[in-house]
Amino acid sequence: MQPEQWAQIPDSLLVRELRYTLKANGQRTRVVTIATTVLDPILYPKAEIAALYGVRWTVETHFAELKTTLKMRKVKSRTPQGVQKEVAVYCLVYNLIHVVMLAATRRQRVDPGRISFIDTVRWLLSAAPGEPLPKLVVNPLRPNRHEPRVVKDRQDTYKVMTRPRAQLRKALKKQATEA
């Protein structure tokens, strides 16, 4: 951060704290606390902010589609301009996939967001030019779904580096001499 930017930051910040509970069958009742700079309770009611926070999980799903399905886990470019171009291409592809999904939702008369992203990608990769859009997979409605936060599948098969490289080299040399 530049010194000029740092100087513009206020010494204090007024926030509004909202608390609400999430109840779901078979799960503990959770209390969610949101701190926001949106201060007007008339203009921005608590229920609307809570609903907006719930939409956040939809956004997380979209990020997962980018990172996992489109393999955008790591950008490959080394320059700021290259990273911008790479992200722009990912956004373009992502939006084109969603245009196809929207056409499928209209044809299949389902709500947007129910058409499978991965099924759409697979069809786009295998479709011949001019091939008509088939019926795509419709995801089931799963309200209040709770999934543990774990890594299902690592993208590579290499071990995770947990020690400094110099120590790993020594261990590798020791292994080679013992063999």
C-alpha atoms as a PDB file:
ATOM      1  CA  MET A   1       0.000   0.000   0.000  1.00  0.00           C
ATOM      2  CA  GLN A   2       1.303   3.417  -0.913  1.00  0.00           C
ATOM      3  CA  PRO A   3       1.808   5.975   1.924  1.00  0.00           C
ATOM      4  CA  GLU A   4      -0.833   8.219   0.334  1.00  0.00           C
ATOM      5  CA  GLN A   5      -3.371   5.381   0.428  1.00  0.00           C
ATOM      6  CA  TRP A   6      -2.452   4.560   4.039  1.00  0.00           C
ATOM      7  CA  ALA A   7      -2.987   8.196   5.029  1.00  0.00           C
ATOM      8  CA  GLN A   8      -6.538   8.099   3.635  1.00  0.00           C
ATOM      9  CA  ILE A   9      -7.618   5.246   5.924  1.00  0.00           C
ATOM     10  CA  PRO A  10      -9.749   6.569   8.814  1.00  0.00           C
ATOM     11  CA  ASP A  11      -8.590   6.074  12.409  1.00  0.00           C
ATOM     12  CA  SER A  12     -11.848   4.314  13.251  1.00  0.00           C
ATOM     13  CA  LEU A  13     -14.721   2.746  11.359  1.00  0.00           C
ATOM     14  CA  LEU A  14     -18.347   2.598  12.444  1.00  0.00           C
ATOM     15  CA  VAL A  15     -19.933  -0.826  11.831  1.00  0.00           C
ATOM     16  CA  ARG A  16     -23.312  -2.384  12.406  1.00  0.00           C
ATOM     17  CA  GLU A  17     -23.405  -5.829  14.013  1.00  0.00           C
ATOM     18  CA  LEU A  18     -26.240  -8.202  13.114  1.00  0.00           C
ATOM     19  CA  ARG A  19     -26.937 -11.576  14.669  1.00  0.00           C
ATOM     20  CA  TYR A  20     -29.345 -14.249  13.534  1.00  0.00           C
ATOM     21  CA  THR A  21     -29.747 -18.001  13.995  1.00  0.00           C
ATOM     22  CA  LEU A  22     -29.703 -20.772  11.430  1.00  0.00           C
ATOM     23  CA  LYS A  23     -31.779 -23.801  12.348  1.00  0.00           C
ATOM     24  CA  ALA A  24     -31.630 -27.019  10.354  1.00  0.00           C
ATOM     25  CA  ASN A  25     -32.975 -30.452  11.200  1.00  0.00           C
ATOM     26  CA  GLY A  26     -30.281 -32.817  12.398  1.00  0.00           C
ATOM     27  CA  GLN A  27     -27.724 -30.035  12.871  1.00  0.00           C
ATOM     28  CA  ARG A  28     -26.763 -27.712  15.679  1.00  0.00           C
ATOM     29  CA  THR A  29     -28.401 -24.320  15.674  1.00  0.00           C
ATOM     30  CA  ARG A  30     -25.776 -21.834  14.571  1.00  0.00           C
ATOM     31  CA  VAL A  31     -25.571 -18.176  15.458  1.00  0.00           C
ATOM     32  CA  VAL A  32     -24.227 -16.058  12.621  1.00  0.00           C
ATOM     33  CA  THR A  33     -22.763 -12.620  13.297  1.00  0.00           C
ATOM     34  CA  ILE A  34     -22.294 -10.157  10.455  1.00  0.00           C
ATOM     35  CA  ALA A  35     -20.392  -6.878  10.777  1.00  0.00           C
ATOM     36  CA  THR A  36     -21.224  -4.399   8.042  1.00  0.00           C
ATOM     37  CA  THR A  37     -20.643  -0.757   7.177  1.00  0.00           C
ATOM     38  CA  VAL A  38     -24.231  -0.619   5.885  1.00  0.00           C
ATOM     39  CA  LEU A  39     -25.638   1.295   8.852  1.00  0.00           C
ATOM     40  CA  ASP A  40     -29.224   2.292   7.991  1.00  0.00           C
ATOM     41  CA  PRO A  41     -31.616  -0.367   9.427  1.00  0.00           C
ATOM     42  CA  ILE A  42     -34.598   1.074   7.526  1.00  0.00           C
ATOM     43  CA  LEU A  43     -32.928   1.085   4.133  1.00  0.00           C
ATOM     44  CA  TYR A  44     -31.084  -2.209   4.779  1.00  0.00           C
ATOM     45  CA  PRO A  45     -33.185  -4.452   7.071  1.00  0.00           C
ATOM     46  CA  LYS A  46     -31.526  -7.266   9.001  1.00  0.00           C
ATOM     47  CA  ALA A  47     -33.484  -9.965   7.131  1.00  0.00           C
ATOM     48  CA  GLU A  48     -32.305  -8.680   3.733  1.00  0.00           C
ATOM     49  CA  ILE A  49     -28.660  -8.586   4.820  1.00  0.00           C
ATOM     50  CA  ALA A  50     -28.994 -12.120   6.217  1.00  0.00           C
ATOM     51  CA  ALA A  51     -30.515 -13.303   2.919  1.00  0.00           C
ATOM     52  CA  LEU A  52     -27.695 -11.632   1.000  1.00  0.00           C
ATOM     53  CA  TYR A  53     -25.184 -13.423   3.213  1.00  0.00           C
ATOM     54  CA  GLY A  54     -26.931 -16.684   2.270  1.00  0.00           C
ATOM     55  CA  VAL A  55     -26.384 -15.879  -1.417  1.00  0.00           C
ATOM     56  CA  ARG A  56     -22.672 -15.822  -0.618  1.00  0.00           C
ATOM     57  CA  TRP A  57     -22.675 -19.635  -0.694  1.00  0.00           C
ATOM     58  CA  THR A  58     -23.927 -19.547  -4.268  1.00  0.00           C
ATOM     59  CA  VAL A  59     -20.938 -17.377  -5.092  1.00  0.00           C
ATOM     60  CA  GLU A  60     -18.673 -19.980  -3.448  1.00  0.00           C
ATOM     61  CA  THR A  61     -20.148 -22.587  -5.813  1.00  0.00           C
ATOM     62  CA  HIS A  62     -19.341 -20.388  -8.793  1.00  0.00           C
ATOM     63  CA  PHE A  63     -15.742 -19.980  -7.593  1.00  0.00           C
ATOM     64  CA  ALA A  64     -15.504 -23.765  -7.241  1.00  0.00           C
ATOM     65  CA  GLU A  65     -16.680 -24.148 -10.849  1.00  0.00           C
ATOM     66  CA  LEU A  66     -13.915 -21.810 -11.992  1.00  0.00           C
ATOM     67  CA  LYS A  67     -11.201 -23.354  -9.849  1.00  0.00           C
ATOM     68  CA  THR A  68     -12.053 -27.035 -10.216  1.00  0.00           C
ATOM     69  CA  THR A  69     -13.983 -27.591 -13.431  1.00  0.00           C
ATOM     70  CA  LEU A  70     -12.168 -24.968 -15.496  1.00  0.00           C
ATOM     71  CA  LYS A  71      -8.849 -25.726 -13.723  1.00  0.00           C
ATOM     72  CA  MET A  72      -8.213 -22.140 -12.667  1.00  0.00           C
ATOM     73  CA  ARG A  73      -6.685 -23.246  -9.371  1.00  0.00           C
ATOM     74  CA  LYS A  74      -3.438 -21.474 -10.310  1.00  0.00           C
ATOM     75  CA  VAL A  75      -2.796 -18.874 -12.957  1.00  0.00           C
ATOM     76  CA  LYS A  76       0.139 -19.685 -15.194  1.00  0.00           C
ATOM     77  CA  SER A  77       1.172 -16.196 -16.280  1.00  0.00           C
ATOM     78  CA  ARG A  78       4.065 -14.420 -14.580  1.00  0.00           C
ATOM     79  CA  THR A  79       3.320 -10.798 -15.471  1.00  0.00           C
ATOM     80  CA  PRO A  80       0.422  -8.617 -14.299  1.00  0.00           C
ATOM     81  CA  GLN A  81      -0.731  -8.172 -17.904  1.00  0.00           C
ATOM     82  CA  GLY A  82      -0.583 -11.933 -18.496  1.00  0.00           C
ATOM     83  CA  VAL A  83      -2.592 -12.616 -15.336  1.00  0.00           C
ATOM     84  CA  GLN A  84      -5.206 -10.051 -16.435  1.00  0.00           C
ATOM     85  CA  LYS A  85      -5.491 -11.688 -19.865  1.00  0.00           C
ATOM     86  CA  GLU A  86      -5.723 -15.166 -18.325  1.00  0.00           C
ATOM     87  CA  VAL A  87      -8.452 -14.124 -15.882  1.00  0.00           C
ATOM     88  CA  ALA A  88     -10.318 -12.335 -18.699  1.00  0.00           C
ATOM     89  CA  VAL A  89     -10.294 -15.513 -20.809  1.00  0.00           C
ATOM     90  CA  TYR A  90     -11.548 -17.588 -17.857  1.00  0.00           C
ATOM     91  CA  CYS A  91     -14.359 -15.067 -17.308  1.00  0.00           C
ATOM     92  CA  LEU A  92     -15.258 -15.122 -21.003  1.00  0.00           C
ATOM     93  CA  VAL A  93     -15.390 -18.930 -21.102  1.00  0.00           C
ATOM     94  CA  TYR A  94     -17.323 -19.038 -17.825  1.00  0.00           C
ATOM     95  CA  ASN A  95     -19.918 -16.572 -19.122  1.00  0.00           C
ATOM     96  CA  LEU A  96     -20.270 -18.408 -22.444  1.00  0.00           C
ATOM     97  CA  ILE A  97     -20.925 -21.655 -20.550  1.00  0.00           C
ATOM     98  CA  HIS A  98     -23.595 -19.859 -18.527  1.00  0.00           C
ATOM     99  CA  VAL A  99     -25.233 -18.565 -21.731  1.00  0.00           C
ATOM    100  CA  VAL A 100     -25.599 -22.192 -22.861  1.00  0.00           C
ATOM    101  CA  MET A 101     -26.909 -23.129 -19.405  1.00  0.00           C
ATOM    102  CA  LEU A 102     -29.472 -20.315 -19.627  1.00  0.00           C
ATOM    103  CA  ALA A 103     -30.659 -21.604 -23.009  1.00  0.00           C
ATOM    104  CA  ALA A 104     -31.021 -25.064 -21.458  1.00  0.00           C
ATOM    105  CA  THR A 105     -33.001 -23.713 -18.484  1.00  0.00           C
ATOM    106  CA  ARG A 106     -35.449 -22.026 -20.862  1.00  0.00           C
ATOM    107  CA  ARG A 107     -35.805 -25.148 -22.995  1.00  0.00           C
ATOM    108  CA  GLN A 108     -36.128 -27.519 -20.062  1.00  0.00           C
ATOM    109  CA  ARG A 109     -38.283 -25.105 -18.013  1.00  0.00           C
ATOM    110  CA  VAL A 110     -36.204 -25.212 -14.825  1.00  0.00           C
ATOM    111  CA  ASP A 111     -34.852 -22.444 -12.642  1.00  0.00           C
ATOM    112  CA  PRO A 112     -31.498 -20.940 -13.611  1.00  0.00           C
ATOM    113  CA  GLY A 113     -28.724 -22.494 -11.594  1.00  0.00           C
ATOM    114  CA  ARG A 114     -30.247 -25.985 -11.701  1.00  0.00           C
ATOM    115  CA  ILE A 115     -28.502 -27.023 -14.940  1.00  0.00           C
ATOM    116  CA  SER A 116     -25.253 -28.869 -14.294  1.00  0.00           C
ATOM    117  CA  PHE A 117     -22.183 -26.769 -15.026  1.00  0.00           C
ATOM    118  CA  ILE A 118     -19.946 -29.796 -15.619  1.00  0.00           C
ATOM    119  CA  ASP A 119     -22.514 -31.440 -17.911  1.00  0.00           C
ATOM    120  CA  THR A 120     -22.665 -28.235 -19.964  1.00  0.00           C
ATOM    121  CA  VAL A 121     -18.864 -28.101 -20.218  1.00  0.00           C
ATOM    122  CA  ARG A 122     -18.709 -31.762 -21.286  1.00  0.00           C
ATOM    123  CA  TRP A 123     -21.327 -31.220 -23.983  1.00  0.00           C
ATOM    124  CA  LEU A 124     -19.552 -28.098 -25.269  1.00  0.00           C
ATOM    125  CA  LEU A 125     -16.257 -29.988 -25.503  1.00  0.00           C
ATOM    126  CA  SER A 126     -17.794 -32.893 -27.410  1.00  0.00           C
ATOM    127  CA  ALA A 127     -20.458 -31.161 -29.545  1.00  0.00           C
ATOM    128  CA  ALA A 128     -20.026 -30.888 -33.284  1.00  0.00           C
ATOM    129  CA  PRO A 129     -20.435 -27.413 -34.826  1.00  0.00           C
ATOM    130  CA  GLY A 130     -24.129 -26.625 -35.221  1.00  0.00           C
ATOM    131  CA  GLU A 131     -25.225 -29.584 -33.091  1.00  0.00           C
ATOM    132  CA  PRO A 132     -28.529 -28.799 -31.308  1.00  0.00           C
ATOM    133  CA  LEU A 133     -28.492 -28.401 -27.543  1.00  0.00           C
ATOM    134  CA  PRO A 134     -29.579 -31.665 -25.875  1.00  0.00           C
ATOM    135  CA  LYS A 135     -31.339 -31.986 -22.530  1.00  0.00           C
ATOM    136  CA  LEU A 136     -28.675 -31.294 -19.937  1.00  0.00           C
ATOM    137  CA  VAL A 137     -28.527 -32.745 -16.429  1.00  0.00           C
ATOM    138  CA  VAL A 138     -30.730 -30.910 -13.918  1.00  0.00           C
ATOM    139  CA  ASN A 139     -29.263 -30.764 -10.426  1.00  0.00           C
ATOM    140  CA  PRO A 140     -31.690 -31.768  -7.662  1.00  0.00           C
ATOM    141  CA  LEU A 141     -32.820 -29.191  -5.123  1.00  0.00           C
ATOM    142  CA  ARG A 142     -30.934 -29.746  -1.878  1.00  0.00           C
ATOM    143  CA  PRO A 143     -31.981 -27.083   0.624  1.00  0.00           C
ATOM    144  CA  ASN A 144     -30.055 -26.823   3.894  1.00  0.00           C
ATOM    145  CA  ARG A 145     -27.407 -29.162   2.563  1.00  0.00           C
ATOM    146  CA  HIS A 146     -24.417 -29.422   4.854  1.00  0.00           C
ATOM    147  CA  GLU A 147     -21.079 -30.670   3.619  1.00  0.00           C
ATOM    148  CA  PRO A 148     -17.869 -30.977   5.623  1.00  0.00           C
ATOM    149  CA  ARG A 149     -15.029 -28.691   4.531  1.00  0.00           C
ATOM    150  CA  VAL A 150     -12.433 -31.172   3.344  1.00  0.00           C
ATOM    151  CA  VAL A 151     -10.292 -31.578   0.277  1.00  0.00           C
ATOM    152  CA  LYS A 152     -11.862 -34.336  -1.797  1.00  0.00           C
ATOM    153  CA  ASP A 153      -9.143 -34.710  -4.368  1.00  0.00           C
ATOM    154  CA  ARG A 154      -5.803 -33.000  -4.674  1.00  0.00           C
ATOM    155  CA  GLN A 155      -4.961 -31.855  -8.175  1.00  0.00           C
ATOM    156  CA  ASP A 156      -1.554 -33.468  -8.154  1.00  0.00           C
ATOM    157  CA  THR A 157      -0.109 -36.674  -6.767  1.00  0.00           C
ATOM    158  CA  TYR A 158       3.047 -35.162  -5.281  1.00  0.00           C
ATOM    159  CA  LYS A 159       3.493 -35.062  -1.540  1.00  0.00           C
ATOM    160  CA  VAL A 160       3.005 -31.737   0.190  1.00  0.00           C
ATOM    161  CA  MET A 161       6.298 -30.076   1.191  1.00  0.00           C
ATOM    162  CA  THR A 162       6.246 -29.953   4.998  1.00  0.00           C
ATOM    163  CA  ARG A 163       9.972 -29.373   5.636  1.00  0.00           C
ATOM    164  CA  PRO A 164      12.545 -27.015   4.143  1.00  0.00           C
ATOM    165  CA  ARG A 165      13.907 -28.094   0.756  1.00  0.00           C
ATOM    166  CA  ALA A 166      17.445 -28.522   2.152  1.00  0.00           C
ATOM    167  CA  GLN A 167      16.194 -31.071   4.703  1.00  0.00           C
ATOM    168  CA  LEU A 168      14.268 -32.924   2.007  1.00  0.00           C
ATOM    169  CA  ARG A 169      17.414 -33.095  -0.179  1.00  0.00           C
ATOM    170  CA  LYS A 170      19.434 -34.534   2.731  1.00  0.00           C
ATOM    171  CA  ALA A 171      16.752 -37.152   3.356  1.00  0.00           C
ATOM    172  CA  LEU A 172      16.695 -38.028  -0.353  1.00  0.00           C
ATOM    173  CA  LYS A 173      20.511 -38.424  -0.450  1.00  0.00           C
ATOM    174  CA  LYS A 174      20.409 -40.553   2.698  1.00  0.00           C
ATOM    175  CA  GLN A 175      17.723 -42.756   1.125  1.00  0.00           C
ATOM    176  CA  ALA A 176      19.821 -43.189  -2.029  1.00  0.00           C
ATOM    177  CA  THR A 177      22.945 -44.223  -0.092  1.00  0.00           C
ATOM    178  CA  GLU A 178      21.020 -46.729   2.049  1.00  0.00           C
ATOM    179  CA  ALA A 179      19.481 -48.408  -0.980  1.00  0.00           C
END
